[in-house]
């Protein structure tokens, strides 16, 4: 499973860096990339859990639900709303990466 980390994790980390340094008026342009990166991260983690025959824990299901709610709402947000929502959204993505990292240890 280490091969997956070589592709997904660096992409997510680079995306998080872009989100944290983007000017408020350019956040709207990053929404499609955000959807792509977050969806790929979720799919990668789900694939790992299936390979490990692991039942997704409630913490995981809650995190996925919250990220999907973010993605659904972000498409219609203004630049100001995105700027306000982004710190919590980044934190949720970072939390997903941490859960993925924990799975890699199993």
PDB file of N, CA and C in Angstrom:
ATOM      1  N   UNK A   1       0.801  -1.201   0.000  1.00  0.00           N
ATOM      2  CA  UNK A   1       0.000   0.000   0.000  1.00  0.00           C
ATOM      3  C   UNK A   1       0.841   1.262   0.000  1.00  0.00           C
ATOM      4  N   UNK A   2       2.119   1.134   0.222  1.00  0.00           N
ATOM      5  CA  UNK A   2       2.985   2.297   0.224  1.00  0.00           C
ATOM      6  C   UNK A   2       2.999   3.023  -1.101  1.00  0.00           C
ATOM      7  N   UNK A   3       2.762   2.304  -2.212  1.00  0.00           N
ATOM      8  CA  UNK A   3       2.745   2.936  -3.518  1.00  0.00           C
ATOM      9  C   UNK A   3       1.652   3.972  -3.648  1.00  0.00           C
ATOM     10  N   UNK A   4       0.523   3.722  -2.992  1.00  0.00           N
ATOM     11  CA  UNK A   4      -0.578   4.681  -3.043  1.00  0.00           C
ATOM     12  C   UNK A   4      -0.174   5.988  -2.385  1.00  0.00           C
ATOM     13  N   UNK A   5       0.543   5.892  -1.304  1.00  0.00           N
ATOM     14  CA  UNK A   5       0.951   7.089  -0.581  1.00  0.00           C
ATOM     15  C   UNK A   5       1.823   7.972  -1.472  1.00  0.00           C
ATOM     16  N   UNK A   6       2.611   7.359  -2.347  1.00  0.00           N
ATOM     17  CA  UNK A   6       3.506   8.126  -3.197  1.00  0.00           C
ATOM     18  C   UNK A   6       2.755   9.016  -4.184  1.00  0.00           C
ATOM     19  N   UNK A   7       1.495   8.721  -4.450  1.00  0.00           N
ATOM     20  CA  UNK A   7       0.753   9.549  -5.391  1.00  0.00           C
ATOM     21  C   UNK A   7      -0.300  10.413  -4.712  1.00  0.00           C
ATOM     22  N   UNK A   8      -1.068   9.844  -3.829  1.00  0.00           N
ATOM     23  CA  UNK A   8      -2.194  10.579  -3.238  1.00  0.00           C
ATOM     24  C   UNK A   8      -1.727  11.617  -2.224  1.00  0.00           C
ATOM     25  N   UNK A   9      -0.921  11.205  -1.291  1.00  0.00           N
ATOM     26  CA  UNK A   9      -0.541  12.117  -0.202  1.00  0.00           C
ATOM     27  C   UNK A   9       0.172  13.375  -0.712  1.00  0.00           C
ATOM     28  N   UNK A  10       1.186  13.267  -1.587  1.00  0.00           N
ATOM     29  CA  UNK A  10       1.814  14.505  -2.069  1.00  0.00           C
ATOM     30  C   UNK A  10       0.845  15.427  -2.804  1.00  0.00           C
ATOM     31  N   UNK A  11      -0.091  14.847  -3.557  1.00  0.00           N
ATOM     32  CA  UNK A  11      -1.080  15.684  -4.257  1.00  0.00           C
ATOM     33  C   UNK A  11      -1.964  16.417  -3.264  1.00  0.00           C
ATOM     34  N   UNK A  12      -2.392  15.717  -2.221  1.00  0.00           N
ATOM     35  CA  UNK A  12      -3.248  16.345  -1.213  1.00  0.00           C
ATOM     36  C   UNK A  12      -2.466  17.424  -0.471  1.00  0.00           C
ATOM     37  N   UNK A  13      -1.238  17.121  -0.106  1.00  0.00           N
ATOM     38  CA  UNK A  13      -0.424  18.109   0.616  1.00  0.00           C
ATOM     39  C   UNK A  13      -0.166  19.349  -0.242  1.00  0.00           C
ATOM     40  N   UNK A  14       0.128  19.150  -1.523  1.00  0.00           N
ATOM     41  CA  UNK A  14       0.340  20.296  -2.418  1.00  0.00           C
ATOM     42  C   UNK A  14      -0.943  21.115  -2.547  1.00  0.00           C
ATOM     43  N   UNK A  15      -2.066  20.427  -2.613  1.00  0.00           N
ATOM     44  CA  UNK A  15      -3.351  21.134  -2.705  1.00  0.00           C
ATOM     45  C   UNK A  15      -3.632  21.928  -1.429  1.00  0.00           C
ATOM     46  N   UNK A  16      -3.370  21.322  -0.283  1.00  0.00           N
ATOM     47  CA  UNK A  16      -3.560  22.039   0.982  1.00  0.00           C
ATOM     48  C   UNK A  16      -2.697  23.296   1.022  1.00  0.00           C
ATOM     49  N   UNK A  17      -1.490  23.192   0.516  1.00  0.00           N
ATOM     50  CA  UNK A  17      -0.596  24.363   0.478  1.00  0.00           C
ATOM     51  C   UNK A  17      -1.192  25.444  -0.418  1.00  0.00           C
ATOM     52  N   UNK A  18      -1.717  25.049  -1.581  1.00  0.00           N
ATOM     53  CA  UNK A  18      -2.342  26.035  -2.480  1.00  0.00           C
ATOM     54  C   UNK A  18      -3.533  26.708  -1.801  1.00  0.00           C
ATOM     55  N   UNK A  19      -4.342  25.899  -1.096  1.00  0.00           N
ATOM     56  CA  UNK A  19      -5.504  26.476  -0.420  1.00  0.00           C
ATOM     57  C   UNK A  19      -5.089  27.464   0.662  1.00  0.00           C
ATOM     58  N   UNK A  20      -4.019  27.158   1.369  1.00  0.00           N
ATOM     59  CA  UNK A  20      -3.617  28.028   2.482  1.00  0.00           C
ATOM     60  C   UNK A  20      -2.954  29.309   2.014  1.00  0.00           C
ATOM     61  N   UNK A  21      -2.430  29.329   0.789  1.00  0.00           N
ATOM     62  CA  UNK A  21      -1.733  30.526   0.306  1.00  0.00           C
ATOM     63  C   UNK A  21      -2.524  31.295  -0.755  1.00  0.00           C
ATOM     64  N   UNK A  22      -3.660  30.746  -1.175  1.00  0.00           N
ATOM     65  CA  UNK A  22      -4.445  31.390  -2.231  1.00  0.00           C
ATOM     66  C   UNK A  22      -5.074  32.683  -1.738  1.00  0.00           C
ATOM     67  N   UNK A  23      -5.087  33.646  -2.621  1.00  0.00           N
ATOM     68  CA  UNK A  23      -5.785  34.898  -2.330  1.00  0.00           C
ATOM     69  C   UNK A  23      -7.286  34.608  -2.303  1.00  0.00           C
ATOM     70  N   UNK A  24      -8.020  35.325  -1.461  1.00  0.00           N
ATOM     71  CA  UNK A  24      -9.458  35.060  -1.343  1.00  0.00           C
ATOM     72  C   UNK A  24     -10.193  35.044  -2.689  1.00  0.00           C
ATOM     73  N   UNK A  25      -9.843  35.958  -3.582  1.00  0.00           N
ATOM     74  CA  UNK A  25     -10.558  36.018  -4.862  1.00  0.00           C
ATOM     75  C   UNK A  25     -10.176  34.884  -5.818  1.00  0.00           C
ATOM     76  N   UNK A  26      -9.129  34.130  -5.517  1.00  0.00           N
ATOM     77  CA  UNK A  26      -8.746  33.011  -6.381  1.00  0.00           C
ATOM     78  C   UNK A  26      -9.221  31.662  -5.839  1.00  0.00           C
ATOM     79  N   UNK A  27      -9.831  31.661  -4.664  1.00  0.00           N
ATOM     80  CA  UNK A  27     -10.309  30.396  -4.085  1.00  0.00           C
ATOM     81  C   UNK A  27     -11.384  29.743  -4.954  1.00  0.00           C
ATOM     82  N   UNK A  28     -12.246  30.552  -5.559  1.00  0.00           N
ATOM     83  CA  UNK A  28     -13.316  29.988  -6.397  1.00  0.00           C
ATOM     84  C   UNK A  28     -12.727  29.157  -7.535  1.00  0.00           C
ATOM     85  N   UNK A  29     -11.606  29.580  -8.076  1.00  0.00           N
ATOM     86  CA  UNK A  29     -10.975  28.838  -9.170  1.00  0.00           C
ATOM     87  C   UNK A  29     -10.414  27.501  -8.694  1.00  0.00           C
ATOM     88  N   UNK A  30     -10.168  27.362  -7.394  1.00  0.00           N
ATOM     89  CA  UNK A  30      -9.618  26.118  -6.849  1.00  0.00           C
ATOM     90  C   UNK A  30     -10.684  25.097  -6.460  1.00  0.00           C
ATOM     91  N   UNK A  31     -11.951  25.489  -6.500  1.00  0.00           N
ATOM     92  CA  UNK A  31     -13.024  24.579  -6.073  1.00  0.00           C
ATOM     93  C   UNK A  31     -13.051  23.285  -6.897  1.00  0.00           C
ATOM     94  N   UNK A  32     -12.951  23.327  -8.235  1.00  0.00           N
ATOM     95  CA  UNK A  32     -12.949  22.054  -8.979  1.00  0.00           C
ATOM     96  C   UNK A  32     -11.762  21.153  -8.615  1.00  0.00           C
ATOM     97  N   UNK A  33     -10.591  21.735  -8.439  1.00  0.00           N
ATOM     98  CA  UNK A  33      -9.422  20.941  -8.037  1.00  0.00           C
ATOM     99  C   UNK A  33      -9.614  20.377  -6.636  1.00  0.00           C
ATOM    100  N   UNK A  34     -10.229  21.148  -5.772  1.00  0.00           N
ATOM    101  CA  UNK A  34     -10.486  20.680  -4.411  1.00  0.00           C
ATOM    102  C   UNK A  34     -11.403  19.462  -4.446  1.00  0.00           C
ATOM    103  N   UNK A  35     -12.449  19.544  -5.243  1.00  0.00           N
ATOM    104  CA  UNK A  35     -13.383  18.416  -5.367  1.00  0.00           C
ATOM    105  C   UNK A  35     -12.631  17.173  -5.858  1.00  0.00           C
ATOM    106  N   UNK A  36     -11.787  17.350  -6.843  1.00  0.00           N
ATOM    107  CA  UNK A  36     -11.026  16.230  -7.404  1.00  0.00           C
ATOM    108  C   UNK A  36     -10.078  15.614  -6.369  1.00  0.00           C
ATOM    109  N   UNK A  37      -9.345  16.457  -5.662  1.00  0.00           N
ATOM    110  CA  UNK A  37      -8.368  15.978  -4.676  1.00  0.00           C
ATOM    111  C   UNK A  37      -9.062  15.286  -3.508  1.00  0.00           C
ATOM    112  N   UNK A  38     -10.103  15.893  -2.982  1.00  0.00           N
ATOM    113  CA  UNK A  38     -10.801  15.313  -1.834  1.00  0.00           C
ATOM    114  C   UNK A  38     -11.482  13.998  -2.229  1.00  0.00           C
ATOM    115  N   UNK A  39     -12.094  13.968  -3.394  1.00  0.00           N
ATOM    116  CA  UNK A  39     -12.747  12.744  -3.861  1.00  0.00           C
ATOM    117  C   UNK A  39     -11.721  11.627  -4.044  1.00  0.00           C
ATOM    118  N   UNK A  40     -10.554  11.951  -4.589  1.00  0.00           N
ATOM    119  CA  UNK A  40      -9.502  10.948  -4.771  1.00  0.00           C
ATOM    120  C   UNK A  40      -8.987  10.438  -3.423  1.00  0.00           C
ATOM    121  N   UNK A  41      -8.850  11.337  -2.459  1.00  0.00           N
ATOM    122  CA  UNK A  41      -8.387  10.936  -1.130  1.00  0.00           C
ATOM    123  C   UNK A  41      -9.394   9.990  -0.474  1.00  0.00           C
ATOM    124  N   UNK A  42     -10.662  10.322  -0.541  1.00  0.00           N
ATOM    125  CA  UNK A  42     -11.691   9.465   0.041  1.00  0.00           C
ATOM    126  C   UNK A  42     -11.683   8.097  -0.642  1.00  0.00           C
ATOM    127  N   UNK A  43     -11.633   8.091  -1.969  1.00  0.00           N
ATOM    128  CA  UNK A  43     -11.637   6.825  -2.709  1.00  0.00           C
ATOM    129  C   UNK A  43     -10.411   5.986  -2.367  1.00  0.00           C
ATOM    130  N   UNK A  44      -9.267   6.623  -2.241  1.00  0.00           N
ATOM    131  CA  UNK A  44      -8.038   5.910  -1.905  1.00  0.00           C
ATOM    132  C   UNK A  44      -8.156   5.262  -0.526  1.00  0.00           C
ATOM    133  N   UNK A  45      -8.666   5.999   0.425  1.00  0.00           N
ATOM    134  CA  UNK A  45      -8.822   5.463   1.778  1.00  0.00           C
ATOM    135  C   UNK A  45      -9.846   4.329   1.803  1.00  0.00           C
ATOM    136  N   UNK A  46     -10.927   4.498   1.065  1.00  0.00           N
ATOM    137  CA  UNK A  46     -11.933   3.436   1.013  1.00  0.00           C
ATOM    138  C   UNK A  46     -11.353   2.168   0.397  1.00  0.00           C
ATOM    139  N   UNK A  47     -10.527   2.332  -0.623  1.00  0.00           N
ATOM    140  CA  UNK A  47      -9.868   1.180  -1.246  1.00  0.00           C
ATOM    141  C   UNK A  47      -8.942   0.487  -0.245  1.00  0.00           C
ATOM    142  N   UNK A  48      -8.218   1.280   0.524  1.00  0.00           N
ATOM    143  CA  UNK A  48      -7.333   0.708   1.548  1.00  0.00           C
ATOM    144  C   UNK A  48      -8.134  -0.098   2.563  1.00  0.00           C
ATOM    145  N   UNK A  49      -9.255   0.450   3.005  1.00  0.00           N
ATOM    146  CA  UNK A  49     -10.070  -0.247   4.002  1.00  0.00           C
ATOM    147  C   UNK A  49     -10.621  -1.555   3.439  1.00  0.00           C
ATOM    148  N   UNK A  50     -11.057  -1.516   2.183  1.00  0.00           N
ATOM    149  CA  UNK A  50     -11.544  -2.762   1.578  1.00  0.00           C
ATOM    150  C   UNK A  50     -10.427  -3.792   1.495  1.00  0.00           C
ATOM    151  N   UNK A  51      -9.234  -3.368   1.089  1.00  0.00           N
ATOM    152  CA  UNK A  51      -8.100  -4.283   0.973  1.00  0.00           C
ATOM    153  C   UNK A  51      -7.735  -4.891   2.328  1.00  0.00           C
ATOM    154  N   UNK A  52      -7.933  -4.107   3.380  1.00  0.00           N
ATOM    155  CA  UNK A  52      -7.611  -4.569   4.729  1.00  0.00           C
ATOM    156  C   UNK A  52      -8.802  -5.275   5.385  1.00  0.00           C
ATOM    157  N   UNK A  53      -9.918  -5.377   4.637  1.00  0.00           N
ATOM    158  CA  UNK A  53     -11.153  -5.954   5.163  1.00  0.00           C
ATOM    159  C   UNK A  53     -11.564  -5.262   6.467  1.00  0.00           C
ATOM    160  N   UNK A  54     -11.449  -3.955   6.412  1.00  0.00           N
ATOM    161  CA  UNK A  54     -11.698  -3.112   7.577  1.00  0.00           C
ATOM    162  C   UNK A  54     -13.063  -2.440   7.448  1.00  0.00           C
ATOM    163  N   UNK A  55     -13.845  -2.500   8.492  1.00  0.00           N
ATOM    164  CA  UNK A  55     -15.125  -1.797   8.532  1.00  0.00           C
ATOM    165  C   UNK A  55     -14.835  -0.325   8.856  1.00  0.00           C
ATOM    166  N   UNK A  56     -15.321   0.609   8.011  1.00  0.00           N
ATOM    167  CA  UNK A  56     -15.049   2.020   8.292  1.00  0.00           C
ATOM    168  C   UNK A  56     -15.600   2.422   9.663  1.00  0.00           C
ATOM    169  N   UNK A  57     -14.754   2.996  10.513  1.00  0.00           N
ATOM    170  CA  UNK A  57     -15.231   3.435  11.827  1.00  0.00           C
ATOM    171  C   UNK A  57     -16.148   4.654  11.704  1.00  0.00           C
ATOM    172  N   UNK A  58     -16.920   4.906  12.748  1.00  0.00           N
ATOM    173  CA  UNK A  58     -17.852   6.035  12.741  1.00  0.00           C
ATOM    174  C   UNK A  58     -17.111   7.357  12.524  1.00  0.00           C
ATOM    175  N   UNK A  59     -15.938   7.496  13.104  1.00  0.00           N
ATOM    176  CA  UNK A  59     -15.143   8.719  12.926  1.00  0.00           C
ATOM    177  C   UNK A  59     -14.876   8.959  11.436  1.00  0.00           C
ATOM    178  N   UNK A  60     -14.556   7.888  10.733  1.00  0.00           N
ATOM    179  CA  UNK A  60     -14.307   7.976   9.293  1.00  0.00           C
ATOM    180  C   UNK A  60     -15.581   8.386   8.548  1.00  0.00           C
ATOM    181  N   UNK A  61     -16.686   7.709   8.845  1.00  0.00           N
ATOM    182  CA  UNK A  61     -17.946   8.015   8.173  1.00  0.00           C
ATOM    183  C   UNK A  61     -18.353   9.469   8.410  1.00  0.00           C
ATOM    184  N   UNK A  62     -18.142   9.959   9.625  1.00  0.00           N
ATOM    185  CA  UNK A  62     -18.457  11.361   9.935  1.00  0.00           C
ATOM    186  C   UNK A  62     -17.570  12.306   9.128  1.00  0.00           C
ATOM    187  N   UNK A  63     -16.293  11.973   9.024  1.00  0.00           N
ATOM    188  CA  UNK A  63     -15.352  12.819   8.281  1.00  0.00           C
ATOM    189  C   UNK A  63     -15.732  12.880   6.801  1.00  0.00           C
ATOM    190  N   UNK A  64     -16.079  11.733   6.238  1.00  0.00           N
ATOM    191  CA  UNK A  64     -16.488  11.688   4.831  1.00  0.00           C
ATOM    192  C   UNK A  64     -17.757  12.508   4.626  1.00  0.00           C
ATOM    193  N   UNK A  65     -18.721  12.335   5.510  1.00  0.00           N
ATOM    194  CA  UNK A  65     -19.969  13.101   5.421  1.00  0.00           C
ATOM    195  C   UNK A  65     -19.682  14.607   5.441  1.00  0.00           C
ATOM    196  N   UNK A  66     -18.826  15.025   6.382  1.00  0.00           N
ATOM    197  CA  UNK A  66     -18.522  16.453   6.506  1.00  0.00           C
ATOM    198  C   UNK A  66     -17.806  16.989   5.269  1.00  0.00           C
ATOM    199  N   UNK A  67     -16.857  16.219   4.743  1.00  0.00           N
ATOM    200  CA  UNK A  67     -16.145  16.665   3.541  1.00  0.00           C
ATOM    201  C   UNK A  67     -17.080  16.731   2.339  1.00  0.00           C
ATOM    202  N   UNK A  68     -17.962  15.770   2.221  1.00  0.00           N
ATOM    203  CA  UNK A  68     -18.910  15.793   1.099  1.00  0.00           C
ATOM    204  C   UNK A  68     -19.874  16.970   1.223  1.00  0.00           C
ATOM    205  N   UNK A  69     -20.249  17.313   2.448  1.00  0.00           N
ATOM    206  CA  UNK A  69     -21.093  18.504   2.651  1.00  0.00           C
ATOM    207  C   UNK A  69     -20.323  19.760   2.246  1.00  0.00           C
ATOM    208  N   UNK A  70     -19.046  19.811   2.610  1.00  0.00           N
ATOM    209  CA  UNK A  70     -18.212  20.943   2.186  1.00  0.00           C
ATOM    210  C   UNK A  70     -18.239  21.064   0.666  1.00  0.00           C
ATOM    211  N   UNK A  71     -17.959  19.960  -0.011  1.00  0.00           N
ATOM    212  CA  UNK A  71     -17.873  19.983  -1.471  1.00  0.00           C
ATOM    213  C   UNK A  71     -19.190  20.407  -2.094  1.00  0.00           C
ATOM    214  N   UNK A  72     -20.293  19.939  -1.545  1.00  0.00           N
ATOM    215  CA  UNK A  72     -21.607  20.301  -2.084  1.00  0.00           C
ATOM    216  C   UNK A  72     -21.876  21.792  -1.932  1.00  0.00           C
ATOM    217  N   UNK A  73     -21.476  22.365  -0.823  1.00  0.00           N
ATOM    218  CA  UNK A  73     -21.763  23.770  -0.572  1.00  0.00           C
ATOM    219  C   UNK A  73     -20.796  24.741  -1.215  1.00  0.00           C
ATOM    220  N   UNK A  74     -19.577  24.303  -1.422  1.00  0.00           N
ATOM    221  CA  UNK A  74     -18.546  25.219  -1.901  1.00  0.00           C
ATOM    222  C   UNK A  74     -18.797  25.726  -3.317  1.00  0.00           C
ATOM    223  N   UNK A  75     -19.440  24.933  -4.141  1.00  0.00           N
ATOM    224  CA  UNK A  75     -19.664  25.324  -5.535  1.00  0.00           C
ATOM    225  C   UNK A  75     -20.467  26.614  -5.657  1.00  0.00           C
ATOM    226  N   UNK A  76     -21.341  26.874  -4.702  1.00  0.00           N
ATOM    227  CA  UNK A  76     -22.186  28.066  -4.794  1.00  0.00           C
ATOM    228  C   UNK A  76     -21.745  29.194  -3.858  1.00  0.00           C
ATOM    229  N   UNK A  77     -20.615  29.028  -3.197  1.00  0.00           N
ATOM    230  CA  UNK A  77     -20.155  30.063  -2.258  1.00  0.00           C
ATOM    231  C   UNK A  77     -19.475  31.221  -2.983  1.00  0.00           C
ATOM    232  N   UNK A  78     -19.592  32.385  -2.379  1.00  0.00           N
ATOM    233  CA  UNK A  78     -18.859  33.557  -2.858  1.00  0.00           C
ATOM    234  C   UNK A  78     -17.407  33.438  -2.384  1.00  0.00           C
ATOM    235  N   UNK A  79     -16.560  34.291  -2.907  1.00  0.00           N
ATOM    236  CA  UNK A  79     -15.157  34.290  -2.495  1.00  0.00           C
ATOM    237  C   UNK A  79     -15.032  34.527  -0.991  1.00  0.00           C
ATOM    238  N   UNK A  80     -15.838  35.416  -0.455  1.00  0.00           N
ATOM    239  CA  UNK A  80     -15.801  35.711   0.985  1.00  0.00           C
ATOM    240  C   UNK A  80     -16.242  34.496   1.791  1.00  0.00           C
ATOM    241  N   UNK A  81     -17.304  33.853   1.351  1.00  0.00           N
ATOM    242  CA  UNK A  81     -17.770  32.653   2.053  1.00  0.00           C
ATOM    243  C   UNK A  81     -16.724  31.539   2.000  1.00  0.00           C
ATOM    244  N   UNK A  82     -16.088  31.369   0.848  1.00  0.00           N
ATOM    245  CA  UNK A  82     -15.035  30.354   0.729  1.00  0.00           C
ATOM    246  C   UNK A  82     -13.873  30.661   1.674  1.00  0.00           C
ATOM    247  N   UNK A  83     -13.504  31.918   1.730  1.00  0.00           N
ATOM    248  CA  UNK A  83     -12.408  32.317   2.617  1.00  0.00           C
ATOM    249  C   UNK A  83     -12.751  31.975   4.062  1.00  0.00           C
ATOM    250  N   UNK A  84     -13.988  32.191   4.451  1.00  0.00           N
ATOM    251  CA  UNK A  84     -14.412  31.899   5.818  1.00  0.00           C
ATOM    252  C   UNK A  84     -14.503  30.392   6.072  1.00  0.00           C
ATOM    253  N   UNK A  85     -14.899  29.630   5.070  1.00  0.00           N
ATOM    254  CA  UNK A  85     -15.077  28.181   5.226  1.00  0.00           C
ATOM    255  C   UNK A  85     -13.775  27.398   5.101  1.00  0.00           C
ATOM    256  N   UNK A  86     -12.789  27.983   4.446  1.00  0.00           N
ATOM    257  CA  UNK A  86     -11.580  27.235   4.092  1.00  0.00           C
ATOM    258  C   UNK A  86     -10.777  26.717   5.287  1.00  0.00           C
ATOM    259  N   UNK A  87     -10.589  27.465   6.369  1.00  0.00           N
ATOM    260  CA  UNK A  87      -9.805  26.901   7.481  1.00  0.00           C
ATOM    261  C   UNK A  87     -10.401  25.594   8.034  1.00  0.00           C
ATOM    262  N   UNK A  88     -11.711  25.558   8.194  1.00  0.00           N
ATOM    263  CA  UNK A  88     -12.348  24.333   8.702  1.00  0.00           C
ATOM    264  C   UNK A  88     -12.263  23.220   7.663  1.00  0.00           C
ATOM    265  N   UNK A  89     -12.418  23.565   6.397  1.00  0.00           N
ATOM    266  CA  UNK A  89     -12.334  22.565   5.330  1.00  0.00           C
ATOM    267  C   UNK A  89     -10.921  21.969   5.277  1.00  0.00           C
ATOM    268  N   UNK A  90      -9.913  22.822   5.341  1.00  0.00           N
ATOM    269  CA  UNK A  90      -8.522  22.325   5.343  1.00  0.00           C
ATOM    270  C   UNK A  90      -8.294  21.411   6.536  1.00  0.00           C
ATOM    271  N   UNK A  91      -8.825  21.783   7.682  1.00  0.00           N
ATOM    272  CA  UNK A  91      -8.654  20.964   8.886  1.00  0.00           C
ATOM    273  C   UNK A  91      -9.280  19.584   8.700  1.00  0.00           C
ATOM    274  N   UNK A  92     -10.437  19.538   8.027  1.00  0.00           N
ATOM    275  CA  UNK A  92     -11.076  18.240   7.782  1.00  0.00           C
ATOM    276  C   UNK A  92     -10.242  17.392   6.823  1.00  0.00           C
ATOM    277  N   UNK A  93      -9.667  18.023   5.804  1.00  0.00           N
ATOM    278  CA  UNK A  93      -8.798  17.283   4.881  1.00  0.00           C
ATOM    279  C   UNK A  93      -7.577  16.760   5.636  1.00  0.00           C
ATOM    280  N   UNK A  94      -6.994  17.594   6.472  1.00  0.00           N
ATOM    281  CA  UNK A  94      -5.832  17.173   7.271  1.00  0.00           C
ATOM    282  C   UNK A  94      -6.198  16.018   8.196  1.00  0.00           C
ATOM    283  N   UNK A  95      -7.399  16.053   8.756  1.00  0.00           N
ATOM    284  CA  UNK A  95      -7.871  14.960   9.599  1.00  0.00           C
ATOM    285  C   UNK A  95      -7.994  13.663   8.813  1.00  0.00           C
ATOM    286  N   UNK A  96      -8.470  13.763   7.584  1.00  0.00           N
ATOM    287  CA  UNK A  96      -8.580  12.588   6.716  1.00  0.00           C
ATOM    288  C   UNK A  96      -7.188  12.029   6.422  1.00  0.00           C
ATOM    289  N   UNK A  97      -6.229  12.903   6.161  1.00  0.00           N
ATOM    290  CA  UNK A  97      -4.853  12.446   5.935  1.00  0.00           C
ATOM    291  C   UNK A  97      -4.304  11.741   7.174  1.00  0.00           C
ATOM    292  N   UNK A  98      -4.610  12.260   8.342  1.00  0.00           N
ATOM    293  CA  UNK A  98      -4.137  11.640   9.586  1.00  0.00           C
ATOM    294  C   UNK A  98      -4.743  10.248   9.760  1.00  0.00           C
ATOM    295  N   UNK A  99      -6.039  10.112   9.451  1.00  0.00           N
ATOM    296  CA  UNK A  99      -6.667   8.786   9.552  1.00  0.00           C
ATOM    297  C   UNK A  99      -6.035   7.832   8.539  1.00  0.00           C
ATOM    298  N   UNK A 100      -5.728   8.333   7.356  1.00  0.00           N
ATOM    299  CA  UNK A 100      -5.079   7.503   6.340  1.00  0.00           C
ATOM    300  C   UNK A 100      -3.712   7.051   6.837  1.00  0.00           C
ATOM    301  N   UNK A 101      -2.980   7.972   7.414  1.00  0.00           N
ATOM    302  CA  UNK A 101      -1.660   7.654   7.957  1.00  0.00           C
ATOM    303  C   UNK A 101      -1.762   6.545   9.028  1.00  0.00           C
ATOM    304  N   UNK A 102      -2.760   6.654   9.889  1.00  0.00           N
ATOM    305  CA  UNK A 102      -2.973   5.640  10.916  1.00  0.00           C
ATOM    306  C   UNK A 102      -3.281   4.269  10.298  1.00  0.00           C
ATOM    307  N   UNK A 103      -4.055   4.283   9.199  1.00  0.00           N
ATOM    308  CA  UNK A 103      -4.358   3.013   8.530  1.00  0.00           C
ATOM    309  C   UNK A 103      -3.107   2.386   7.949  1.00  0.00           C
ATOM    310  N   UNK A 104      -2.193   3.225   7.472  1.00  0.00           N
ATOM    311  CA  UNK A 104      -0.959   2.719   6.873  1.00  0.00           C
ATOM    312  C   UNK A 104      -0.116   1.978   7.914  1.00  0.00           C
ATOM    313  N   UNK A 105      -0.279   2.303   9.177  1.00  0.00           N
ATOM    314  CA  UNK A 105       0.489   1.663  10.249  1.00  0.00           C
ATOM    315  C   UNK A 105      -0.043   0.260  10.568  1.00  0.00           C
ATOM    316  N   UNK A 106      -1.269  -0.036  10.159  1.00  0.00           N
ATOM    317  CA  UNK A 106      -1.889  -1.319  10.532  1.00  0.00           C
ATOM    318  C   UNK A 106      -1.270  -2.463   9.768  1.00  0.00           C
TER     319      UNK A 106
END
